[in-house]
C-alpha atoms as a PDB file:
ATOM      1  CA  MET A   1      54.548 -11.778   5.521  1.00  0.00           C
ATOM      2  CA  ARG A   2      52.102 -13.672   3.302  1.00  0.00           C
ATOM      3  CA  VAL A   3      49.623 -14.002   6.199  1.00  0.00           C
ATOM      4  CA  LEU A   4      49.771 -10.248   6.858  1.00  0.00           C
ATOM      5  CA  LEU A   5      49.061  -9.501   3.222  1.00  0.00           C
ATOM      6  CA  GLY A   6      46.140 -11.951   3.310  1.00  0.00           C
ATOM      7  CA  VAL A   7      44.669 -10.286   6.397  1.00  0.00           C
ATOM      8  CA  SER A   8      45.052  -6.825   4.910  1.00  0.00           C
ATOM      9  CA  TRP A   9      43.424  -7.947   1.674  1.00  0.00           C
ATOM     10  CA  ALA A  10      40.596  -9.618   3.577  1.00  0.00           C
ATOM     11  CA  ARG A  11      40.013  -6.448   5.614  1.00  0.00           C
ATOM     12  CA  ARG A  12      39.927  -4.339   2.474  1.00  0.00           C
ATOM     13  CA  LEU A  13      37.487  -6.719   0.830  1.00  0.00           C
ATOM     14  CA  GLY A  14      35.347  -6.676   3.961  1.00  0.00           C
ATOM     15  CA  ALA A  15      35.341  -2.879   4.079  1.00  0.00           C
ATOM     16  CA  VAL A  16      34.430  -2.609   0.395  1.00  0.00           C
ATOM     17  CA  SER A  17      31.696  -5.232   0.826  1.00  0.00           C
ATOM     18  CA  LEU A  18      30.279  -3.346   3.803  1.00  0.00           C
ATOM     19  CA  LEU A  19      30.298  -0.101   1.840  1.00  0.00           C
ATOM     20  CA  VAL A  20      28.538  -1.694  -1.142  1.00  0.00           C
ATOM     21  CA  ALA A  21      25.940  -3.332   1.141  1.00  0.00           C
ATOM     22  CA  THR A  22      25.294  -0.005   2.875  1.00  0.00           C
ATOM     23  CA  VAL A  23      24.799   1.857  -0.405  1.00  0.00           C
ATOM     24  CA  LEU A  24      22.540  -0.845  -1.847  1.00  0.00           C
ATOM     25  CA  GLY A  25      20.564  -1.011   1.401  1.00  0.00           C
ATOM     26  CA  GLY A  26      20.063   2.742   1.309  1.00  0.00           C
ATOM     27  CA  ILE A  27      18.861   2.600  -2.272  1.00  0.00           C
ATOM     28  CA  TYR A  28      16.467  -0.246  -1.394  1.00  0.00           C
ATOM     29  CA  LEU A  29      15.019   1.603   1.597  1.00  0.00           C
ATOM     30  CA  ALA A  30      14.607   4.806  -0.382  1.00  0.00           C
ATOM     31  CA  ARG A  31      12.685   2.920  -3.057  1.00  0.00           C
ATOM     32  CA  ALA A  32      10.918   0.508  -0.676  1.00  0.00           C
ATOM     33  CA  PRO A  33       7.237  -0.150  -1.280  1.00  0.00           C
ATOM     34  CA  GLY A  34       5.114   2.445   0.458  1.00  0.00           C
ATOM     35  CA  ALA A  35       8.016   4.861   0.763  1.00  0.00           C
ATOM     36  CA  GLN A  36       6.369   7.438  -1.457  1.00  0.00           C
ATOM     37  CA  ALA A  37       3.138   8.024  -3.306  1.00  0.00           C
ATOM     38  CA  ALA A  38       2.732   6.745  -6.798  1.00  0.00           C
ATOM     39  CA  SER A  39       3.864   9.478  -9.133  1.00  0.00           C
ATOM     40  CA  PHE A  40       1.389   8.700 -11.868  1.00  0.00           C
ATOM     41  CA  GLN A  41      -2.253   7.753 -11.780  1.00  0.00           C
ATOM     42  CA  PRO A  42      -4.337   7.323 -14.933  1.00  0.00           C
ATOM     43  CA  SER A  43      -6.892   9.843 -13.693  1.00  0.00           C
ATOM     44  CA  SER A  44      -7.328  12.280 -10.851  1.00  0.00           C
ATOM     45  CA  PHE A  45      -9.565  10.802  -8.189  1.00  0.00           C
ATOM     46  CA  ASP A  46     -10.850  12.766  -5.241  1.00  0.00           C
ATOM     47  CA  HIS A  47     -11.956  10.493  -2.406  1.00  0.00           C
ATOM     48  CA  LYS A  48     -13.301  13.542  -0.586  1.00  0.00           C
ATOM     49  CA  SER A  49     -16.197  13.958  -3.016  1.00  0.00           C
ATOM     50  CA  MET A  50     -17.195  10.328  -2.500  1.00  0.00           C
ATOM     51  CA  VAL A  51     -17.160  10.683   1.281  1.00  0.00           C
ATOM     52  CA  GLU A  52     -19.165  13.914   1.071  1.00  0.00           C
ATOM     53  CA  ALA A  53     -21.744  11.989  -0.987  1.00  0.00           C
ATOM     54  CA  GLY A  54     -22.038   9.484   1.873  1.00  0.00           C
ATOM     55  CA  MET A  55     -19.966   6.678   0.355  1.00  0.00           C
ATOM     56  CA  ASP A  56     -18.142   4.359   2.718  1.00  0.00           C
ATOM     57  CA  CYS A  57     -14.720   2.908   1.825  1.00  0.00           C
ATOM     58  CA  LEU A  58     -16.277  -0.570   1.690  1.00  0.00           C
ATOM     59  CA  PHE A  59     -18.739   0.430  -1.033  1.00  0.00           C
ATOM     60  CA  CYS A  60     -15.985   0.659  -3.652  1.00  0.00           C
ATOM     61  CA  HIS A  61     -13.254  -1.434  -1.993  1.00  0.00           C
ATOM     62  CA  THR A  62     -15.420  -4.539  -1.743  1.00  0.00           C
ATOM     63  CA  GLY A  63     -12.586  -6.998  -1.191  1.00  0.00           C
ATOM     64  CA  VAL A  64     -11.940  -5.633   2.294  1.00  0.00           C
ATOM     65  CA  THR A  65     -14.449  -7.953   3.964  1.00  0.00           C
ATOM     66  CA  LYS A  66     -14.034 -11.024   1.774  1.00  0.00           C
ATOM     67  CA  SER A  67     -10.392 -11.311   0.735  1.00  0.00           C
ATOM     68  CA  PRO A  68      -6.873 -10.352   1.802  1.00  0.00           C
ATOM     69  CA  ALA A  69      -6.782  -7.477  -0.711  1.00  0.00           C
ATOM     70  CA  ALA A  70      -9.024  -4.425  -0.485  1.00  0.00           C
ATOM     71  CA  GLY A  71      -9.306  -4.299  -4.263  1.00  0.00           C
ATOM     72  CA  ILE A  72      -9.502  -1.404  -6.642  1.00  0.00           C
ATOM     73  CA  PRO A  73     -12.913  -0.836  -8.207  1.00  0.00           C
ATOM     74  CA  SER A  74     -13.222  -1.740 -11.851  1.00  0.00           C
ATOM     75  CA  VAL A  75     -14.302   0.748 -14.494  1.00  0.00           C
ATOM     76  CA  GLU A  76     -17.536  -1.233 -14.672  1.00  0.00           C
ATOM     77  CA  SER A  77     -18.164  -0.669 -10.951  1.00  0.00           C
ATOM     78  CA  CYS A  78     -17.547   3.060 -11.273  1.00  0.00           C
ATOM     79  CA  MET A  79     -19.783   3.329 -14.315  1.00  0.00           C
ATOM     80  CA  GLY A  80     -22.558   1.567 -12.380  1.00  0.00           C
ATOM     81  CA  CYS A  81     -23.133   4.894 -10.615  1.00  0.00           C
ATOM     82  CA  HIS A  82     -21.555   7.310 -13.051  1.00  0.00           C
ATOM     83  CA  GLU A  83     -23.769   6.478 -16.006  1.00  0.00           C
ATOM     84  CA  LEU A  84     -26.230   8.716 -14.143  1.00  0.00           C
ATOM     85  CA  ILE A  85     -24.190  10.823 -11.712  1.00  0.00           C
ATOM     86  CA  GLU A  86     -21.858  13.708 -12.684  1.00  0.00           C
ATOM     87  CA  ILE A  87     -21.853  12.484 -16.283  1.00  0.00           C
ATOM     88  CA  ASP A  88     -20.589  15.792 -17.685  1.00  0.00           C
ATOM     89  CA  SER A  89     -17.599  16.249 -15.390  1.00  0.00           C
ATOM     90  CA  PRO A  90     -14.166  15.915 -17.063  1.00  0.00           C
ATOM     91  CA  GLU A  91     -13.165  13.064 -14.730  1.00  0.00           C
ATOM     92  CA  ILE A  92     -16.302  11.057 -15.518  1.00  0.00           C
ATOM     93  CA  LEU A  93     -15.958  11.717 -19.237  1.00  0.00           C
ATOM     94  CA  GLU A  94     -12.435  10.316 -18.950  1.00  0.00           C
ATOM     95  CA  LEU A  95     -13.778   7.299 -17.043  1.00  0.00           C
ATOM     96  CA  ALA A  96     -16.475   6.794 -19.687  1.00  0.00           C
ATOM     97  CA  ALA A  97     -13.783   6.768 -22.380  1.00  0.00           C
ATOM     98  CA  TYR A  98     -12.100   3.832 -20.611  1.00  0.00           C
ATOM     99  CA  TRP A  99     -15.504   2.145 -20.435  1.00  0.00           C
ATOM    100  CA  ASP A 100     -16.167   2.706 -24.138  1.00  0.00           C
ATOM    101  CA  ARG A 101     -12.762   1.228 -25.024  1.00  0.00           C
ATOM    102  CA  GLN A 102     -13.373  -1.658 -22.608  1.00  0.00           C
ATOM    103  CA  GLU A 103      -9.988  -0.804 -21.110  1.00  0.00           C
ATOM    104  CA  PRO A 104      -9.158  -1.074 -17.402  1.00  0.00           C
ATOM    105  CA  MET A 105      -7.673   1.881 -15.570  1.00  0.00           C
ATOM    106  CA  ARG A 106      -4.197   0.866 -14.469  1.00  0.00           C
ATOM    107  CA  TRP A 107      -3.909   2.505 -11.074  1.00  0.00           C
ATOM    108  CA  ALA A 108      -0.455   2.678  -9.529  1.00  0.00           C
ATOM    109  CA  ARG A 109      -0.284   1.138  -6.054  1.00  0.00           C
ATOM    110  CA  VAL A 110       0.049   3.659  -3.267  1.00  0.00           C
ATOM    111  CA  ASN A 111       0.847   1.248  -0.429  1.00  0.00           C
ATOM    112  CA  GLN A 112       2.669  -2.008  -1.022  1.00  0.00           C
ATOM    113  CA  LEU A 113       4.208  -4.493   1.361  1.00  0.00           C
ATOM    114  CA  PRO A 114       7.135  -6.739   0.428  1.00  0.00           C
ATOM    115  CA  ARG A 115       6.178 -10.090  -1.092  1.00  0.00           C
ATOM    116  CA  PHE A 116       7.335 -11.987   1.990  1.00  0.00           C
ATOM    117  CA  VAL A 117       4.723 -10.258   4.157  1.00  0.00           C
ATOM    118  CA  TYR A 118       1.175 -11.586   4.370  1.00  0.00           C
ATOM    119  CA  PHE A 119      -1.483  -9.035   5.263  1.00  0.00           C
ATOM    120  CA  SER A 120      -5.215  -9.604   5.154  1.00  0.00           C
ATOM    121  CA  HIS A 121      -7.569  -6.647   5.078  1.00  0.00           C
ATOM    122  CA  GLN A 122     -10.379  -9.103   5.781  1.00  0.00           C
ATOM    123  CA  ALA A 123      -8.874 -10.371   9.035  1.00  0.00           C
ATOM    124  CA  HIS A 124      -8.190  -6.870  10.322  1.00  0.00           C
ATOM    125  CA  VAL A 125     -11.510  -5.290   9.320  1.00  0.00           C
ATOM    126  CA  LEU A 126     -13.728  -8.189  10.438  1.00  0.00           C
ATOM    127  CA  ALA A 127     -11.897  -8.394  13.778  1.00  0.00           C
ATOM    128  CA  GLY A 128     -12.888  -4.783  14.326  1.00  0.00           C
ATOM    129  CA  SER A 129      -9.338  -3.922  15.303  1.00  0.00           C
ATOM    130  CA  LEU A 130      -8.711  -1.397  12.548  1.00  0.00           C
ATOM    131  CA  ASN A 131     -10.450   1.261  10.601  1.00  0.00           C
ATOM    132  CA  CYS A 132      -9.108   2.308   7.209  1.00  0.00           C
ATOM    133  CA  GLU A 133      -7.675   5.593   8.532  1.00  0.00           C
ATOM    134  CA  ARG A 134      -5.348   3.857  10.997  1.00  0.00           C
ATOM    135  CA  CYS A 135      -3.116   2.662   8.146  1.00  0.00           C
ATOM    136  CA  HIS A 136      -4.148   4.818   5.206  1.00  0.00           C
ATOM    137  CA  GLY A 137      -4.711   8.153   6.936  1.00  0.00           C
ATOM    138  CA  ASP A 138      -7.628  10.463   6.288  1.00  0.00           C
ATOM    139  CA  VAL A 139      -7.901   9.641   2.591  1.00  0.00           C
ATOM    140  CA  ALA A 140     -11.202  11.524   2.494  1.00  0.00           C
ATOM    141  CA  GLN A 141      -9.229  14.762   2.847  1.00  0.00           C
ATOM    142  CA  MET A 142      -6.487  13.896   0.330  1.00  0.00           C
ATOM    143  CA  ALA A 143      -6.496  15.359  -3.156  1.00  0.00           C
ATOM    144  CA  GLU A 144      -4.230  12.450  -4.147  1.00  0.00           C
ATOM    145  CA  ALA A 145      -3.954   9.237  -2.139  1.00  0.00           C
ATOM    146  CA  ARG A 146      -0.503   8.884  -0.609  1.00  0.00           C
ATOM    147  CA  PRO A 147       1.103   6.765   2.093  1.00  0.00           C
ATOM    148  CA  VAL A 148       0.942   8.289   5.566  1.00  0.00           C
ATOM    149  CA  VAL A 149       2.956   5.730   7.525  1.00  0.00           C
ATOM    150  CA  ARG A 150       5.989   3.633   6.755  1.00  0.00           C
ATOM    151  CA  MET A 151       4.505   0.155   6.860  1.00  0.00           C
ATOM    152  CA  ASN A 152       7.429  -1.790   8.224  1.00  0.00           C
ATOM    153  CA  MET A 153       7.753  -4.627  10.716  1.00  0.00           C
ATOM    154  CA  GLY A 154       8.250  -2.353  13.730  1.00  0.00           C
ATOM    155  CA  TRP A 155       5.144  -0.359  12.878  1.00  0.00           C
ATOM    156  CA  CYS A 156       3.036  -3.522  12.488  1.00  0.00           C
ATOM    157  CA  LEU A 157       4.385  -5.046  15.707  1.00  0.00           C
ATOM    158  CA  GLY A 158       3.610  -1.817  17.558  1.00  0.00           C
ATOM    159  CA  CYS A 159      -0.037  -2.219  16.585  1.00  0.00           C
ATOM    160  CA  HIS A 160      -0.062  -5.955  17.337  1.00  0.00           C
ATOM    161  CA  GLU A 161       1.237  -5.240  20.856  1.00  0.00           C
ATOM    162  CA  GLN A 162      -1.854  -3.101  21.522  1.00  0.00           C
ATOM    163  CA  GLN A 163      -4.304  -5.906  20.697  1.00  0.00           C
ATOM    164  CA  PRO A 164      -5.969  -8.137  23.319  1.00  0.00           C
ATOM    165  CA  ASN A 165      -4.440 -11.226  21.653  1.00  0.00           C
ATOM    166  CA  ALA A 166      -0.956  -9.672  21.433  1.00  0.00           C
ATOM    167  CA  ARG A 167       0.745 -12.904  22.526  1.00  0.00           C
ATOM    168  CA  GLN A 168      -0.606 -14.833  19.504  1.00  0.00           C
ATOM    169  CA  LEU A 169       0.183 -11.942  17.180  1.00  0.00           C
ATOM    170  CA  ARG A 170       3.895 -12.115  18.089  1.00  0.00           C
ATOM    171  CA  ASP A 171       4.209 -15.430  16.223  1.00  0.00           C
ATOM    172  CA  CYS A 172       6.211 -14.817  13.027  1.00  0.00           C
ATOM    173  CA  ILE A 173       3.888 -17.067  10.999  1.00  0.00           C
ATOM    174  CA  VAL A 174       1.050 -14.563  11.434  1.00  0.00           C
ATOM    175  CA  CYS A 175       2.645 -12.207   8.911  1.00  0.00           C
ATOM    176  CA  HIS A 176       5.268 -14.435   7.261  1.00  0.00           C
ATOM    177  CA  GLN A 177       3.286 -17.392   5.914  1.00  0.00           C
END
């Protein structure tokens, strides 16, 4: 009798544990990095106007070719052009206020991978295997930058499988350093 009670108790505990793990997993996935656009940005920023002016992504996101992170332009970088261009627009007046206060704009990340994933913009861009739109969508047409794909392991592996060096890119250490 004691064994039967132990088994029943163990099954109940297992069922409750499974339920809790499922609920927590669902909450994690719903709030996973890149699952949804940042709900607050310090200023409205229209990439479309930059593209229409002939600006390339790499002009402002200078880290793309020299570091793992693309980088967000500093207020100083923006003011390098906007001390002379569009100086009376509300957005640039707001930018200038940050500059005057010597305060950085604290942009909310739009796309974010888990900490255990290593991704280098530099390696992908310099290899010529990706353009910005492949992962970030047509940002030039977005009023507000937002994620367009769910950047998960299956999605990354799908792209790696299409590369000429797919065999080397299957090694876990490529992304999990």
